[in-house]
N, C-alpha and C. Protein backbone atom coordinates (compact mmCIF):
# COMPACT_ATOMS: atom_id res chain seq x y z
N MET A 1 134.90 96.26 127.72
CA MET A 1 135.06 94.95 127.22
C MET A 1 136.35 94.97 126.59
N VAL A 2 137.26 94.18 126.67
CA VAL A 2 138.57 94.00 125.99
C VAL A 2 138.66 92.65 125.20
N THR A 3 138.92 92.95 124.17
CA THR A 3 139.33 92.21 122.94
C THR A 3 140.75 91.97 122.76
N ALA A 4 141.26 90.67 122.70
CA ALA A 4 142.56 90.43 122.36
C ALA A 4 142.58 89.30 121.53
N PHE A 5 143.84 89.34 120.54
CA PHE A 5 144.03 88.42 119.72
C PHE A 5 145.10 87.55 120.11
N VAL A 6 145.26 86.28 120.33
CA VAL A 6 146.48 85.60 120.90
C VAL A 6 147.05 84.51 119.94
N MET A 7 148.13 84.80 119.58
CA MET A 7 148.94 84.11 118.54
C MET A 7 149.62 82.82 119.66
N ILE A 8 149.38 81.93 118.99
CA ILE A 8 149.68 80.46 119.78
C ILE A 8 150.68 79.50 118.99
N GLN A 9 151.73 78.96 119.64
CA GLN A 9 152.79 78.03 118.91
C GLN A 9 152.32 76.72 119.84
N THR A 10 152.21 75.57 119.37
CA THR A 10 151.88 74.20 119.87
C THR A 10 152.97 73.23 119.39
N ALA A 11 153.03 72.19 120.02
CA ALA A 11 153.67 71.16 119.54
C ALA A 11 152.78 70.67 118.52
N THR A 12 153.54 70.31 117.47
CA THR A 12 152.92 70.01 116.08
C THR A 12 151.69 68.63 116.28
N ASP A 13 152.08 67.79 117.04
CA ASP A 13 151.22 66.78 117.05
C ASP A 13 150.06 66.90 118.14
N SER A 14 149.91 68.41 118.77
CA SER A 14 148.79 68.37 119.59
C SER A 14 147.85 69.71 119.23
N ILE A 15 148.18 70.06 118.27
CA ILE A 15 147.26 71.11 117.46
C ILE A 15 145.73 71.03 117.83
N PRO A 16 145.22 69.98 117.41
CA PRO A 16 143.95 69.93 117.51
C PRO A 16 143.38 69.90 119.10
N GLU A 17 144.03 69.14 119.76
CA GLU A 17 143.74 68.75 121.07
C GLU A 17 144.03 70.26 122.00
N SER A 18 144.83 70.77 121.70
CA SER A 18 145.20 72.25 122.41
C SER A 18 143.97 72.95 121.81
N ALA A 19 143.83 73.39 120.60
CA ALA A 19 142.65 74.17 120.27
C ALA A 19 141.60 73.77 120.92
N GLN A 20 140.98 72.51 121.19
CA GLN A 20 139.83 72.40 121.59
C GLN A 20 139.77 72.62 123.24
N GLN A 21 140.82 72.52 123.92
CA GLN A 21 141.06 72.83 125.22
C GLN A 21 141.08 74.31 125.46
N ILE A 22 141.76 75.26 124.47
CA ILE A 22 141.72 76.45 124.67
C ILE A 22 140.32 77.08 124.31
N SER A 23 139.55 76.42 123.49
CA SER A 23 138.00 77.00 123.25
C SER A 23 137.35 76.69 124.29
N GLU A 24 137.55 75.86 125.39
CA GLU A 24 136.86 75.80 126.54
C GLU A 24 136.91 76.68 127.69
N ILE A 25 138.14 77.35 127.58
CA ILE A 25 138.40 78.45 128.42
C ILE A 25 137.29 79.42 128.38
N GLU A 26 136.86 79.91 129.68
CA GLU A 26 135.76 81.02 129.82
C GLU A 26 136.78 82.31 129.18
N GLY A 27 135.94 83.05 128.45
CA GLY A 27 136.74 84.28 128.06
C GLY A 27 137.36 84.34 126.66
N ILE A 28 137.40 83.06 126.23
CA ILE A 28 137.71 82.74 124.63
C ILE A 28 136.69 82.42 123.82
N ARG A 29 136.47 83.42 122.91
CA ARG A 29 135.38 83.37 122.06
C ARG A 29 135.47 82.26 120.72
N GLU A 30 136.93 82.23 120.30
CA GLU A 30 136.86 81.52 119.10
C GLU A 30 138.49 81.08 118.88
N VAL A 31 138.63 79.99 118.41
CA VAL A 31 140.36 79.41 118.09
C VAL A 31 140.16 78.92 116.79
N TYR A 32 141.25 79.48 115.93
CA TYR A 32 141.32 79.42 114.70
C TYR A 32 142.82 78.58 114.28
N SER A 33 142.92 77.39 113.66
CA SER A 33 143.99 77.00 113.13
C SER A 33 144.44 77.90 111.99
N VAL A 34 145.72 78.16 111.85
CA VAL A 34 146.27 79.03 110.77
C VAL A 34 147.52 78.57 110.03
N ALA A 35 147.90 79.19 109.02
CA ALA A 35 149.08 78.66 108.58
C ALA A 35 150.05 79.74 108.63
N GLY A 36 151.41 79.66 108.79
CA GLY A 36 152.40 80.86 109.28
C GLY A 36 153.16 80.34 110.20
N ASP A 37 153.43 81.50 110.92
CA ASP A 37 154.44 81.42 111.84
C ASP A 37 153.83 80.88 113.37
N TRP A 38 152.41 81.02 113.32
CA TRP A 38 151.62 80.34 114.35
C TRP A 38 150.73 79.27 114.16
N ASP A 39 150.57 78.59 115.10
CA ASP A 39 149.54 77.27 114.70
C ASP A 39 147.93 77.54 115.24
N LEU A 40 147.71 78.52 115.93
CA LEU A 40 146.40 78.74 116.28
C LEU A 40 146.35 80.27 116.54
N ILE A 41 145.31 80.79 116.46
CA ILE A 41 144.90 82.13 116.91
C ILE A 41 143.47 82.10 117.65
N ALA A 42 143.84 82.64 119.12
CA ALA A 42 142.46 82.62 119.74
C ALA A 42 142.12 84.28 119.80
N ILE A 43 140.60 84.42 119.86
CA ILE A 43 140.16 85.47 120.36
C ILE A 43 139.53 85.86 121.59
N ALA A 44 140.28 86.30 122.35
CA ALA A 44 139.56 86.54 123.88
C ALA A 44 138.76 87.69 124.26
N HIS A 45 137.84 87.61 124.83
CA HIS A 45 136.91 88.75 125.20
C HIS A 45 136.43 88.75 126.54
N VAL A 46 137.05 89.55 127.31
CA VAL A 46 136.76 89.81 128.75
C VAL A 46 136.45 90.97 129.37
N HIS A 47 135.92 91.31 130.50
CA HIS A 47 135.30 92.61 131.03
C HIS A 47 136.63 93.60 131.06
N LYS A 48 137.51 93.19 131.64
CA LYS A 48 138.72 93.99 131.98
C LYS A 48 140.06 93.58 131.71
N HIS A 49 141.23 94.41 131.48
CA HIS A 49 142.49 94.00 131.04
C HIS A 49 142.96 93.03 132.02
N GLU A 50 142.47 93.04 133.44
CA GLU A 50 143.02 92.04 134.52
C GLU A 50 142.81 90.67 134.22
N ASP A 51 141.69 90.73 133.37
CA ASP A 51 141.02 89.35 133.36
C ASP A 51 141.77 88.50 132.21
N LEU A 52 142.58 89.30 131.43
CA LEU A 52 143.36 88.78 130.41
C LEU A 52 144.69 87.82 131.32
N ALA A 53 144.96 88.38 132.25
CA ALA A 53 145.96 87.64 133.09
C ALA A 53 145.52 86.23 133.45
N GLU A 54 144.37 85.83 133.74
CA GLU A 54 143.62 85.11 134.05
C GLU A 54 143.29 83.84 133.09
N VAL A 55 142.86 84.47 131.90
CA VAL A 55 142.59 83.68 130.72
C VAL A 55 143.92 83.36 130.06
N ILE A 56 144.97 84.22 129.77
CA ILE A 56 146.05 83.85 129.03
C ILE A 56 147.15 83.12 129.78
N ALA A 57 147.55 83.78 131.00
CA ALA A 57 148.53 83.43 131.88
C ALA A 57 148.46 82.27 132.39
N ASN A 58 147.20 82.27 132.95
CA ASN A 58 147.02 81.06 134.20
C ASN A 58 146.17 80.06 133.40
N LYS A 59 145.76 79.97 132.56
CA LYS A 59 145.14 79.10 131.87
C LYS A 59 145.68 78.57 130.57
N LEU A 60 145.35 79.44 129.40
CA LEU A 60 145.91 78.96 128.15
C LEU A 60 147.26 78.73 128.10
N SER A 61 148.02 79.43 128.66
CA SER A 61 149.36 78.98 128.49
C SER A 61 149.78 77.83 129.34
N LYS A 62 149.13 77.30 130.25
CA LYS A 62 149.23 75.99 131.10
C LYS A 62 148.86 74.80 130.22
N ILE A 63 147.82 74.90 129.17
CA ILE A 63 147.45 73.68 128.37
C ILE A 63 148.65 72.98 127.87
N PRO A 64 148.51 71.54 128.12
CA PRO A 64 149.67 70.88 127.49
C PRO A 64 150.09 71.18 126.16
N GLY A 65 151.10 71.12 125.61
CA GLY A 65 151.13 71.31 124.20
C GLY A 65 151.42 72.87 123.48
N VAL A 66 151.13 73.86 124.48
CA VAL A 66 151.13 75.14 124.35
C VAL A 66 152.91 75.53 124.52
N LYS A 67 153.43 76.23 123.64
CA LYS A 67 154.68 76.22 123.60
C LYS A 67 154.95 77.87 123.77
N ALA A 68 154.22 78.54 122.90
CA ALA A 68 154.50 80.01 123.23
C ALA A 68 152.97 80.81 122.73
N THR A 69 153.08 81.99 123.24
CA THR A 69 151.77 82.89 123.29
C THR A 69 152.35 84.23 122.89
N GLN A 70 151.59 85.07 122.06
CA GLN A 70 151.82 86.57 121.88
C GLN A 70 150.62 87.07 121.67
N THR A 71 150.45 88.02 122.77
CA THR A 71 148.90 88.73 122.76
C THR A 71 148.65 90.12 122.23
N HIS A 72 147.84 90.46 121.37
CA HIS A 72 147.69 91.60 120.80
C HIS A 72 146.15 92.22 121.17
N ILE A 73 146.34 93.12 121.89
CA ILE A 73 145.13 93.96 122.42
C ILE A 73 144.53 94.88 121.54
N ALA A 74 143.28 94.76 121.26
CA ALA A 74 142.43 95.55 120.28
C ALA A 74 142.08 96.89 120.87
N PHE A 75 142.28 98.02 120.19
CA PHE A 75 141.92 99.29 120.63
C PHE A 75 140.56 99.54 120.03
N ARG A 76 140.32 99.37 118.91
CA ARG A 76 139.08 99.76 118.41
C ARG A 76 138.67 98.71 117.23
N ALA A 77 137.44 98.45 116.90
CA ALA A 77 136.98 97.53 115.96
C ALA A 77 136.50 98.21 114.82
N TYR A 78 136.76 97.83 113.63
CA TYR A 78 135.99 98.49 112.47
C TYR A 78 135.41 97.36 111.53
N SER A 79 134.62 97.51 111.23
CA SER A 79 133.63 96.65 110.41
C SER A 79 132.87 97.56 109.20
N THR A 80 132.46 96.72 108.10
CA THR A 80 131.51 97.42 107.23
C THR A 80 130.20 97.76 107.73
N HIS A 81 129.82 96.95 108.67
CA HIS A 81 128.59 97.23 109.11
C HIS A 81 128.78 98.58 110.24
N ASP A 82 129.71 98.81 110.76
CA ASP A 82 129.71 100.17 111.53
C ASP A 82 130.04 101.32 110.65
N LEU A 83 130.88 101.15 109.60
CA LEU A 83 131.13 102.13 108.56
C LEU A 83 129.94 102.60 108.00
N ASP A 84 129.04 101.60 107.52
CA ASP A 84 127.75 101.94 106.81
C ASP A 84 127.02 102.77 107.65
N ALA A 85 126.92 102.11 108.77
CA ALA A 85 125.76 103.10 109.93
C ALA A 85 126.40 104.44 110.04
N ALA A 86 127.67 104.42 110.18
CA ALA A 86 128.22 105.88 110.48
C ALA A 86 127.94 106.88 109.05
N PHE A 87 128.04 106.50 108.10
CA PHE A 87 127.78 107.19 107.01
C PHE A 87 126.33 107.52 106.70
N SER A 88 125.47 106.46 107.01
CA SER A 88 123.95 106.85 107.14
C SER A 88 123.43 107.82 107.84
N LEU A 89 124.45 108.31 108.73
CA LEU A 89 123.84 109.41 110.04
C LEU A 89 124.86 110.58 109.65
N ASP A 90 125.65 110.59 108.31
CA ASP A 90 126.35 111.66 107.99
C ASP A 90 127.47 111.94 109.03
N LEU A 91 127.86 110.87 109.63
CA LEU A 91 129.06 111.14 110.54
C LEU A 91 130.44 110.88 109.91
N GLY A 92 130.40 110.60 108.46
CA GLY A 92 131.47 110.22 107.64
C GLY A 92 132.09 111.71 107.12
N ASP A 93 131.60 112.89 107.24
CA ASP A 93 131.90 113.99 106.63
C ASP A 93 132.35 114.96 107.83
């Protein structure tokens, strides 16, 4: 599985509508409105890298109001839960 974080700039007056449409795309797990340089951040979760082209370039980028995107592909996930499990198995030393 491939996880990607997609930063999205939208037209100011269409943030909620764009977010709703983005959230309905298959392969998009979550969409957040955020403060800062970007208006929205979407989390994509797809089976293979090629699927990102379909989700981001062919669907998300074509939603009315979307002006720009920047995609960051995740290499590895870290969480407190994962780290606690590793240390309980003595994998931390």
